[in-house]
C-alpha cells in the first residue's frame, strides 16, 4: 500500500510500492533495463521490489547493494501451479500499488497474480519482435492485455509487431532502452586485453555479443570472418556469450578452419572492460527489440555494423552512427568491416557520432523519467476509478 512521506504544500506525499516481476536476473537485455530502472527510481515517490520467477543471477548483487529487496519464487516448470501460488501469495503480502511484469513468463504469471490480488495498476513489458512465439502464446498475450493498464515496448518496431498480432494500440507505450554512459578513459589498456586473450598486439578485434541461439545468426558472423581472412590476416572475431547453439557453432567454426581467428569467450561479466578495445561491433540478428549490446558499444564510441531490422534502425543511422546491412548478407558485412578497418578517420567519426547519439537520446535519466510519468499517470487514473460515483 502507499506510504505517507510527510507533508508538502499541505498535502500528503505518498510513496508507492512497485513490484517488478521478471523470470531471471541474468545479465541480459530486459534484466539490465529493469535493474537500471529500479535503481534510479525516485526513492521519495517509489519503493521498488523485484520478484524473480525462475532463478536469480549476477544482477541480484547490484540490486541488493542499492537496497532493493529481491524475492525468489523458484518456478521449475513451464506450467508450475505451486510457483504461481507462491507468487500470488507474495503479491498479496506486499500489496503493491503497481505490478510491472517483464518477458513472456513474467507477463503471464505476473499479470494473472496481480489481477487476482486486485493490484490497482498492472503494466506489462514486451521487449522484442518475438517471432518465436506460437499462436497460443499470442492468444494469451491478447487475453492478458485486457487486465493491463499499459504495455511498454522499447521500440516502434516492437509496437508495430504486437499491434499486428492483436494487442490494443491504445495501451502500448514506447519507452526506449537506456545505457549508462561510460567514462571515455578505459579501465584497461588494449595491450593488457590482447595479452589476456592470447592475441597478437597487431590484432584488429570485431565482436558479437549475445545469447548463442538461432535469432542471433552467429553463423553469419563466422562466415563473414572467414571472408575477411582472405583479404587480411589480422582480424579476430570475439564471440561473447553462451547458449544452446554453442557446440554447433564451434563445430561450424572448426569445419571452415578458422579456429585461429574466431574465439568463443563464453559469458563474461566484464564486457564494459572489453568494449573500448573492440574495433567494430557486429550484430547479425534476424530480429531484435532494441539491442543492449549495440547501445553499449555505441556508448563506448565503437562503430557498429548491424542487420537492417526494426528496433536496430532506431539506433544505427547508416553512414552516421554505424552501418546497416541486409539480414544474411555476409559479403556486405565483410565489405563494410574492411572499409572501416581501412579508414581509421571514418571509424573514429562514426564512433564519436554514435556516443553522442546515445548520450542525447538513450540516457538513463530520460528512460526513468518516462517510466515515472507513466507510473504516476496510471496511479492517478486508478485513484479516479476507485472514487465513488
Protein backbone atom coordinates (compact mmCIF):
# COMPACT_ATOMS: atom_id res chain seq x y z
CA UNK A 1 0.00 0.00 0.00
CA UNK A 2 1.15 3.61 -0.49
CA UNK A 3 3.22 5.01 2.35
CA UNK A 4 3.00 8.58 3.63
CA UNK A 5 6.25 10.54 3.30
CA UNK A 6 5.24 13.71 5.18
CA UNK A 7 3.56 16.90 4.02
CA UNK A 8 4.24 19.26 1.18
CA UNK A 9 2.09 22.31 0.42
CA UNK A 10 -0.48 20.98 2.89
CA UNK A 11 -0.85 17.62 1.11
CA UNK A 12 0.42 14.18 1.98
CA UNK A 13 3.30 12.92 -0.14
CA UNK A 14 2.77 9.23 -0.93
CA UNK A 15 5.39 6.62 -1.68
CA UNK A 16 4.06 3.83 -3.88
CA UNK A 17 5.33 0.26 -3.78
CA UNK A 18 6.24 -1.05 -7.25
CA UNK A 19 6.79 -4.79 -7.72
CA UNK A 20 8.80 -5.83 -10.77
CA UNK A 21 8.26 -9.47 -11.86
CA UNK A 22 10.87 -10.98 -14.20
CA UNK A 23 11.98 -14.58 -14.97
CA UNK A 24 15.69 -14.28 -14.07
CA UNK A 25 18.41 -11.87 -13.04
CA UNK A 26 20.83 -12.91 -15.79
CA UNK A 27 22.93 -10.15 -17.29
CA UNK A 28 20.70 -9.93 -20.37
CA UNK A 29 18.77 -7.19 -22.14
CA UNK A 30 15.44 -6.94 -20.30
CA UNK A 31 17.08 -7.75 -16.97
CA UNK A 32 19.62 -4.94 -17.40
CA UNK A 33 16.88 -2.45 -18.25
CA UNK A 34 14.79 -3.49 -15.25
CA UNK A 35 17.81 -3.11 -12.96
CA UNK A 36 18.64 0.32 -14.35
CA UNK A 37 15.05 1.42 -13.84
CA UNK A 38 14.57 0.30 -10.24
CA UNK A 39 17.99 1.56 -9.12
CA UNK A 40 17.22 5.05 -10.43
CA UNK A 41 13.56 5.48 -9.46
CA UNK A 42 12.89 8.46 -7.21
CA UNK A 43 13.02 6.92 -3.68
CA UNK A 44 10.74 9.65 -2.35
CA UNK A 45 7.96 8.55 -4.70
CA UNK A 46 8.50 4.83 -5.30
CA UNK A 47 9.53 1.82 -3.23
CA UNK A 48 10.80 -0.86 -5.66
CA UNK A 49 10.75 -4.61 -5.05
CA UNK A 50 11.93 -7.27 -7.51
CA UNK A 51 10.37 -10.74 -7.81
CA UNK A 52 12.37 -13.36 -9.73
CA UNK A 53 10.29 -16.24 -11.06
CA UNK A 54 12.85 -18.89 -12.01
CA UNK A 55 16.36 -18.16 -10.80
CA UNK A 56 18.49 -15.31 -9.61
CA UNK A 57 21.71 -14.21 -11.29
CA UNK A 58 24.57 -11.71 -11.32
CA UNK A 59 22.27 -8.68 -11.23
CA UNK A 60 21.00 -9.61 -7.75
CA UNK A 61 24.17 -8.21 -6.19
CA UNK A 62 23.75 -4.73 -7.63
CA UNK A 63 20.05 -4.68 -6.69
CA UNK A 64 20.72 -5.64 -3.08
CA UNK A 65 23.63 -3.18 -2.92
CA UNK A 66 21.11 -0.48 -3.87
CA UNK A 67 18.85 -1.58 -1.03
CA UNK A 68 16.20 -3.17 -3.27
CA UNK A 69 14.53 -6.31 -1.86
CA UNK A 70 14.72 -9.37 -4.13
CA UNK A 71 12.15 -12.19 -3.78
CA UNK A 72 12.70 -15.59 -5.44
CA UNK A 73 9.64 -17.68 -6.35
CA UNK A 74 11.52 -20.73 -7.68
CA UNK A 75 9.47 -21.72 -10.76
CA UNK A 76 10.74 -25.11 -12.02
CA UNK A 77 8.47 -25.94 -14.94
CA UNK A 78 6.85 -24.02 -17.79
CA UNK A 79 3.48 -24.61 -16.11
CA UNK A 80 4.16 -24.63 -12.38
CA UNK A 81 0.96 -24.16 -10.29
CA UNK A 82 2.87 -24.27 -6.99
CA UNK A 83 5.14 -21.45 -8.13
CA UNK A 84 2.12 -19.44 -9.23
CA UNK A 85 0.52 -19.82 -5.80
CA UNK A 86 3.75 -18.65 -4.15
CA UNK A 87 3.82 -15.65 -6.47
CA UNK A 88 0.20 -14.76 -5.76
CA UNK A 89 0.86 -15.03 -2.02
CA UNK A 90 3.84 -12.68 -2.36
CA UNK A 91 1.78 -10.12 -4.29
CA UNK A 92 -0.97 -10.22 -1.71
CA UNK A 93 1.56 -9.85 1.12
CA UNK A 94 3.40 -6.90 -0.44
CA UNK A 95 0.19 -5.18 -1.58
CA UNK A 96 1.93 -3.07 -4.26
CA UNK A 97 0.33 -0.12 -5.99
CA UNK A 98 1.92 -1.25 -9.27
CA UNK A 99 2.91 -4.65 -10.63
CA UNK A 100 5.25 -4.28 -13.61
CA UNK A 101 5.99 -7.51 -15.47
CA UNK A 102 8.74 -8.40 -17.96
CA UNK A 103 9.08 -11.06 -20.70
CA UNK A 104 6.63 -13.83 -21.52
CA UNK A 105 6.78 -15.84 -18.27
CA UNK A 106 6.79 -12.71 -16.14
CA UNK A 107 3.94 -11.20 -18.13
CA UNK A 108 1.87 -14.39 -17.92
CA UNK A 109 2.30 -15.37 -14.28
CA UNK A 110 2.61 -11.78 -13.02
CA UNK A 111 -0.46 -10.28 -14.63
CA UNK A 112 -2.70 -13.14 -13.55
CA UNK A 113 -1.41 -12.90 -9.97
CA UNK A 114 -1.82 -9.10 -9.96
CA UNK A 115 -5.38 -9.37 -11.27
CA UNK A 116 -6.34 -11.94 -8.64
CA UNK A 117 -4.70 -9.82 -5.91
CA UNK A 118 -6.61 -6.74 -7.13
CA UNK A 119 -3.47 -4.66 -7.68
CA UNK A 120 -4.54 -1.12 -8.73
CA UNK A 121 -2.09 -0.76 -11.67
CA UNK A 122 -0.74 -3.56 -13.88
CA UNK A 123 1.92 -2.91 -16.54
CA UNK A 124 3.47 -5.47 -18.89
CA UNK A 125 6.66 -5.17 -20.97
CA UNK A 126 7.29 -6.62 -24.43
CA UNK A 127 10.96 -6.29 -25.36
CA UNK A 128 11.43 -7.93 -28.75
CA UNK A 129 9.94 -8.79 -32.12
CA UNK A 130 9.09 -12.25 -30.77
CA UNK A 131 8.91 -14.37 -33.91
CA UNK A 132 9.47 -17.48 -31.77
CA UNK A 133 6.02 -17.28 -30.17
CA UNK A 134 3.34 -19.77 -31.15
CA UNK A 135 -0.30 -18.89 -31.77
CA UNK A 136 -1.38 -19.87 -28.25
CA UNK A 137 1.19 -17.51 -26.77
CA UNK A 138 -0.10 -14.56 -28.78
CA UNK A 139 -3.65 -15.55 -27.76
CA UNK A 140 -2.58 -15.44 -24.11
CA UNK A 141 -0.96 -12.03 -24.69
CA UNK A 142 -4.25 -10.73 -26.10
CA UNK A 143 -6.24 -12.14 -23.17
CA UNK A 144 -3.91 -10.69 -20.53
CA UNK A 145 -3.85 -7.31 -22.30
CA UNK A 146 -7.44 -6.88 -21.04
CA UNK A 147 -6.09 -6.86 -17.47
CA UNK A 148 -3.22 -4.49 -18.28
CA UNK A 149 -3.29 -0.74 -17.82
CA UNK A 150 -0.32 -0.33 -20.17
CA UNK A 151 2.05 -2.44 -22.25
CA UNK A 152 5.50 -0.92 -22.54
CA UNK A 153 7.65 -1.66 -25.59
CA UNK A 154 11.16 -0.43 -26.29
CA UNK A 155 10.87 0.48 -29.97
CA UNK A 156 8.42 1.38 -32.71
CA UNK A 157 9.25 -1.94 -34.37
CA UNK A 158 8.08 -3.92 -31.34
CA UNK A 159 4.97 -1.74 -31.07
CA UNK A 160 4.00 -2.38 -34.69
CA UNK A 161 4.73 -6.11 -34.35
CA UNK A 162 2.36 -6.51 -31.39
CA UNK A 163 -0.37 -4.29 -32.79
CA UNK A 164 -0.35 -6.51 -35.89
CA UNK A 165 -0.94 -9.50 -33.57
CA UNK A 166 -3.97 -8.02 -31.90
CA UNK A 167 -2.70 -6.12 -28.88
CA UNK A 168 -4.62 -2.87 -28.24
CA UNK A 169 -2.72 0.07 -29.73
CA UNK A 170 -4.15 2.49 -27.17
CA UNK A 171 -2.45 0.60 -24.32
CA UNK A 172 1.00 0.40 -25.89
CA UNK A 173 3.61 2.92 -24.74
CA UNK A 174 7.07 3.22 -26.34
CA UNK A 175 9.91 3.85 -23.86
CA UNK A 176 13.34 3.31 -25.37
CA UNK A 177 16.10 1.34 -23.69
CA UNK A 178 18.81 3.23 -21.85
CA UNK A 179 22.51 2.86 -21.14
CA UNK A 180 24.83 4.49 -18.64
CA UNK A 181 27.45 6.49 -20.49
CA UNK A 182 30.87 5.10 -19.52
CA UNK A 183 33.96 7.26 -18.91
CA UNK A 184 36.00 7.95 -22.03
CA UNK A 185 39.19 6.58 -20.44
CA UNK A 186 39.10 2.73 -20.39
CA UNK A 187 39.97 0.83 -17.23
CA UNK A 188 42.45 -1.45 -19.04
CA UNK A 189 44.88 -0.93 -21.90
CA UNK A 190 44.50 -2.58 -25.27
CA UNK A 191 47.82 -4.34 -24.73
CA UNK A 192 46.51 -5.88 -21.49
CA UNK A 193 43.31 -7.11 -23.14
CA UNK A 194 45.12 -8.63 -26.10
CA UNK A 195 47.60 -10.35 -23.80
CA UNK A 196 44.78 -11.80 -21.68
CA UNK A 197 43.08 -13.15 -24.81
CA UNK A 198 46.34 -14.57 -26.13
CA UNK A 199 46.15 -12.49 -29.32
CA UNK A 200 48.93 -10.67 -31.20
CA UNK A 201 49.42 -6.99 -30.45
CA UNK A 202 48.50 -6.04 -34.03
CA UNK A 203 45.12 -7.84 -33.87
CA UNK A 204 42.03 -5.98 -35.05
CA UNK A 205 39.03 -7.00 -32.98
CA UNK A 206 35.42 -7.41 -34.07
CA UNK A 207 32.85 -8.78 -31.64
CA UNK A 208 29.37 -10.22 -31.47
CA UNK A 209 27.69 -10.20 -28.07
CA UNK A 210 24.59 -12.12 -27.11
CA UNK A 211 22.93 -15.43 -26.46
CA UNK A 212 24.04 -18.20 -28.80
CA UNK A 213 20.75 -19.21 -30.33
CA UNK A 214 19.15 -19.00 -33.82
CA UNK A 215 17.83 -15.41 -33.51
CA UNK A 216 21.39 -14.06 -33.37
CA UNK A 217 22.61 -15.78 -36.59
CA UNK A 218 26.16 -16.14 -35.22
CA UNK A 219 26.99 -18.47 -38.11
CA UNK A 220 26.76 -15.43 -40.41
CA UNK A 221 29.42 -13.71 -38.30
CA UNK A 222 31.74 -16.73 -38.53
CA UNK A 223 31.23 -16.85 -42.29
CA UNK A 224 31.99 -13.12 -42.62
CA UNK A 225 35.16 -13.60 -40.53
CA UNK A 226 36.22 -16.33 -42.95
CA UNK A 227 35.65 -13.96 -45.89
CA UNK A 228 37.74 -11.27 -44.19
CA UNK A 229 40.57 -13.73 -43.62
CA UNK A 230 41.05 -13.90 -47.37
CA UNK A 231 41.97 -10.21 -47.61
CA UNK A 232 43.64 -9.61 -44.24
CA UNK A 233 45.13 -11.83 -41.55
CA UNK A 234 44.84 -9.52 -38.54
CA UNK A 235 41.06 -9.67 -37.92
CA UNK A 236 39.89 -11.69 -34.91
CA UNK A 237 36.22 -12.30 -34.10
CA UNK A 238 35.28 -12.45 -30.43
CA UNK A 239 32.03 -14.31 -29.72
CA UNK A 240 30.87 -13.16 -26.28
CA UNK A 241 28.01 -15.07 -24.72
CA UNK A 242 26.69 -18.58 -24.28
CA UNK A 243 23.62 -20.55 -25.23
CA UNK A 244 22.16 -23.70 -26.78
CA UNK A 245 23.96 -23.32 -30.13
CA UNK A 246 27.48 -23.12 -28.68
CA UNK A 247 28.62 -26.64 -29.61
CA UNK A 248 27.02 -26.41 -33.05
CA UNK A 249 28.77 -23.11 -33.74
CA UNK A 250 32.11 -24.44 -32.51
CA UNK A 251 31.79 -27.37 -34.93
CA UNK A 252 30.96 -24.99 -37.78
CA UNK A 253 33.95 -22.78 -36.95
CA UNK A 254 36.25 -25.80 -37.00
CA UNK A 255 34.75 -27.11 -40.25
CA UNK A 256 35.58 -23.87 -42.05
CA UNK A 257 39.06 -23.98 -40.47
CA UNK A 258 39.01 -20.56 -38.84
CA UNK A 259 39.56 -21.50 -35.20
CA UNK A 260 42.68 -19.32 -35.14
CA UNK A 261 40.58 -16.21 -35.89
CA UNK A 262 37.23 -16.91 -34.16
CA UNK A 263 37.34 -17.05 -30.36
CA UNK A 264 34.43 -18.12 -28.14
CA UNK A 265 34.81 -16.25 -24.85
CA UNK A 266 31.64 -17.54 -23.20
CA UNK A 267 29.63 -15.45 -20.76
CA UNK A 268 31.63 -12.56 -19.32
CA UNK A 269 30.78 -10.02 -16.66
CA UNK A 270 33.50 -7.63 -17.87
CA UNK A 271 32.07 -6.69 -21.26
CA UNK A 272 32.39 -2.94 -20.41
CA UNK A 273 36.10 -3.58 -19.94
CA UNK A 274 36.41 -5.27 -23.35
CA UNK A 275 34.28 -2.91 -25.43
CA UNK A 276 36.63 0.12 -25.52
CA UNK A 277 39.21 -2.07 -27.30
CA UNK A 278 36.87 -3.64 -29.87
CA UNK A 279 37.38 -2.02 -33.26
CA UNK A 280 33.87 -2.86 -34.51
CA UNK A 281 30.76 -4.45 -33.01
CA UNK A 282 28.76 -6.75 -35.27
CA UNK A 283 25.07 -7.51 -34.81
CA UNK A 284 23.89 -10.27 -37.17
CA UNK A 285 20.45 -10.82 -35.58
CA UNK A 286 17.39 -11.78 -37.58
CA UNK A 287 15.20 -9.75 -35.21
CA UNK A 288 15.57 -7.67 -32.06
CA UNK A 289 13.62 -5.31 -29.86
CA UNK A 290 16.30 -2.79 -29.11
CA UNK A 291 19.75 -4.31 -28.68
CA UNK A 292 21.57 -3.55 -25.43
CA UNK A 293 24.82 -4.77 -26.98
CA UNK A 294 24.52 -2.16 -29.74
CA UNK A 295 23.63 0.58 -27.26
CA UNK A 296 26.58 -0.28 -25.01
CA UNK A 297 29.03 -0.38 -27.92
CA UNK A 298 27.80 2.99 -29.18
CA UNK A 299 28.11 4.43 -25.66
CA UNK A 300 31.76 3.38 -25.73
CA UNK A 301 32.22 5.14 -29.07
CA UNK A 302 32.55 1.91 -31.03
CA UNK A 303 31.33 1.78 -34.65
CA UNK A 304 28.57 -0.78 -35.18
CA UNK A 305 27.67 -2.81 -38.26
CA UNK A 306 24.22 -4.36 -37.80
CA UNK A 307 21.38 -6.00 -39.66
CA UNK A 308 18.75 -3.69 -41.10
CA UNK A 309 15.84 -4.70 -38.87
CA UNK A 310 13.17 -2.92 -36.78
CA UNK A 311 14.48 -1.73 -33.45
CA UNK A 312 18.07 -1.57 -34.66
CA UNK A 313 17.10 1.15 -37.14
CA UNK A 314 16.26 3.35 -34.14
CA UNK A 315 19.90 3.13 -33.03
CA UNK A 316 22.03 2.80 -36.14
CA UNK A 317 21.66 5.56 -38.71
CA UNK A 318 23.54 4.04 -41.62
CA UNK A 319 26.58 6.08 -42.56
CA UNK A 320 26.25 8.32 -39.48
CA UNK A 321 26.15 6.31 -36.26
CA UNK A 322 27.06 2.97 -37.85
CA UNK A 323 26.20 0.86 -40.88
CA UNK A 324 23.26 -1.41 -41.69
CA UNK A 325 23.28 -4.45 -43.98
CA UNK A 326 20.58 -6.91 -45.12
CA UNK A 327 19.99 -9.93 -42.87
CA UNK A 328 22.18 -12.83 -44.03
CA UNK A 329 24.36 -10.77 -46.41
CA UNK A 330 27.75 -11.90 -45.13
CA UNK A 331 29.59 -10.33 -48.07
CA UNK A 332 28.16 -6.91 -47.21
CA UNK A 333 29.18 -7.37 -43.58
CA UNK A 334 32.74 -8.25 -44.57
CA UNK A 335 32.92 -5.38 -47.08
CA UNK A 336 31.72 -2.76 -44.57
CA UNK A 337 34.12 -4.09 -41.96
CA UNK A 338 37.06 -3.83 -44.35
CA UNK A 339 36.02 -0.26 -45.18
CA UNK A 340 36.08 0.79 -41.52
CA UNK A 341 39.33 -1.00 -40.76
CA UNK A 342 41.00 0.67 -43.74
CA UNK A 343 39.72 4.14 -42.82
CA UNK A 344 40.52 4.95 -39.15
CA UNK A 345 39.22 8.51 -39.54
CA UNK A 346 35.83 7.25 -40.72
CA UNK A 347 35.70 4.70 -37.89
CA UNK A 348 36.50 7.42 -35.33
CA UNK A 349 33.88 9.77 -36.79
CA UNK A 350 31.20 7.05 -36.75
CA UNK A 351 32.08 6.03 -33.20
CA UNK A 352 32.05 9.61 -31.89
CA UNK A 353 28.68 10.29 -33.50
CA UNK A 354 27.33 7.07 -32.01
CA UNK A 355 28.38 8.03 -28.48
CA UNK A 356 26.82 11.49 -28.87
CA UNK A 357 23.60 10.00 -30.26
CA UNK A 358 23.27 7.65 -27.28
CA UNK A 359 24.00 10.46 -24.79
CA UNK A 360 21.24 12.60 -26.31
CA UNK A 361 18.53 10.00 -26.91
CA UNK A 362 19.10 6.94 -24.69
CA UNK A 363 20.13 8.27 -21.29
CA UNK A 364 19.05 6.59 -18.06
CA UNK A 365 17.54 9.88 -16.90
CA UNK A 366 15.27 10.05 -19.95
CA UNK A 367 14.14 6.44 -19.57
CA UNK A 368 13.46 6.69 -15.83
CA UNK A 369 11.54 9.96 -16.20
CA UNK A 370 9.34 8.35 -18.86
CA UNK A 371 8.52 5.40 -16.58
CA UNK A 372 7.88 7.65 -13.59
CA UNK A 373 5.49 9.76 -15.65
CA UNK A 374 3.70 6.59 -16.80
CA UNK A 375 3.52 5.21 -13.26
CA UNK A 376 2.16 8.47 -11.84
CA UNK A 377 -0.44 8.88 -14.58
CA UNK A 378 -1.74 5.33 -14.16
CA UNK A 379 -1.84 5.66 -10.36
CA UNK A 380 -3.89 8.83 -10.71
CA UNK A 381 -6.25 7.14 -13.16
CA UNK A 382 -6.66 4.14 -10.82
CA UNK A 383 -7.44 6.50 -7.95
CA UNK A 384 -10.09 8.24 -10.01
CA UNK A 385 -11.70 4.91 -10.87
CA UNK A 386 -11.79 3.98 -7.19
CA UNK A 387 -13.67 7.12 -6.20
CA UNK A 388 -17.41 6.62 -5.57
CA UNK A 389 -19.66 7.98 -8.29
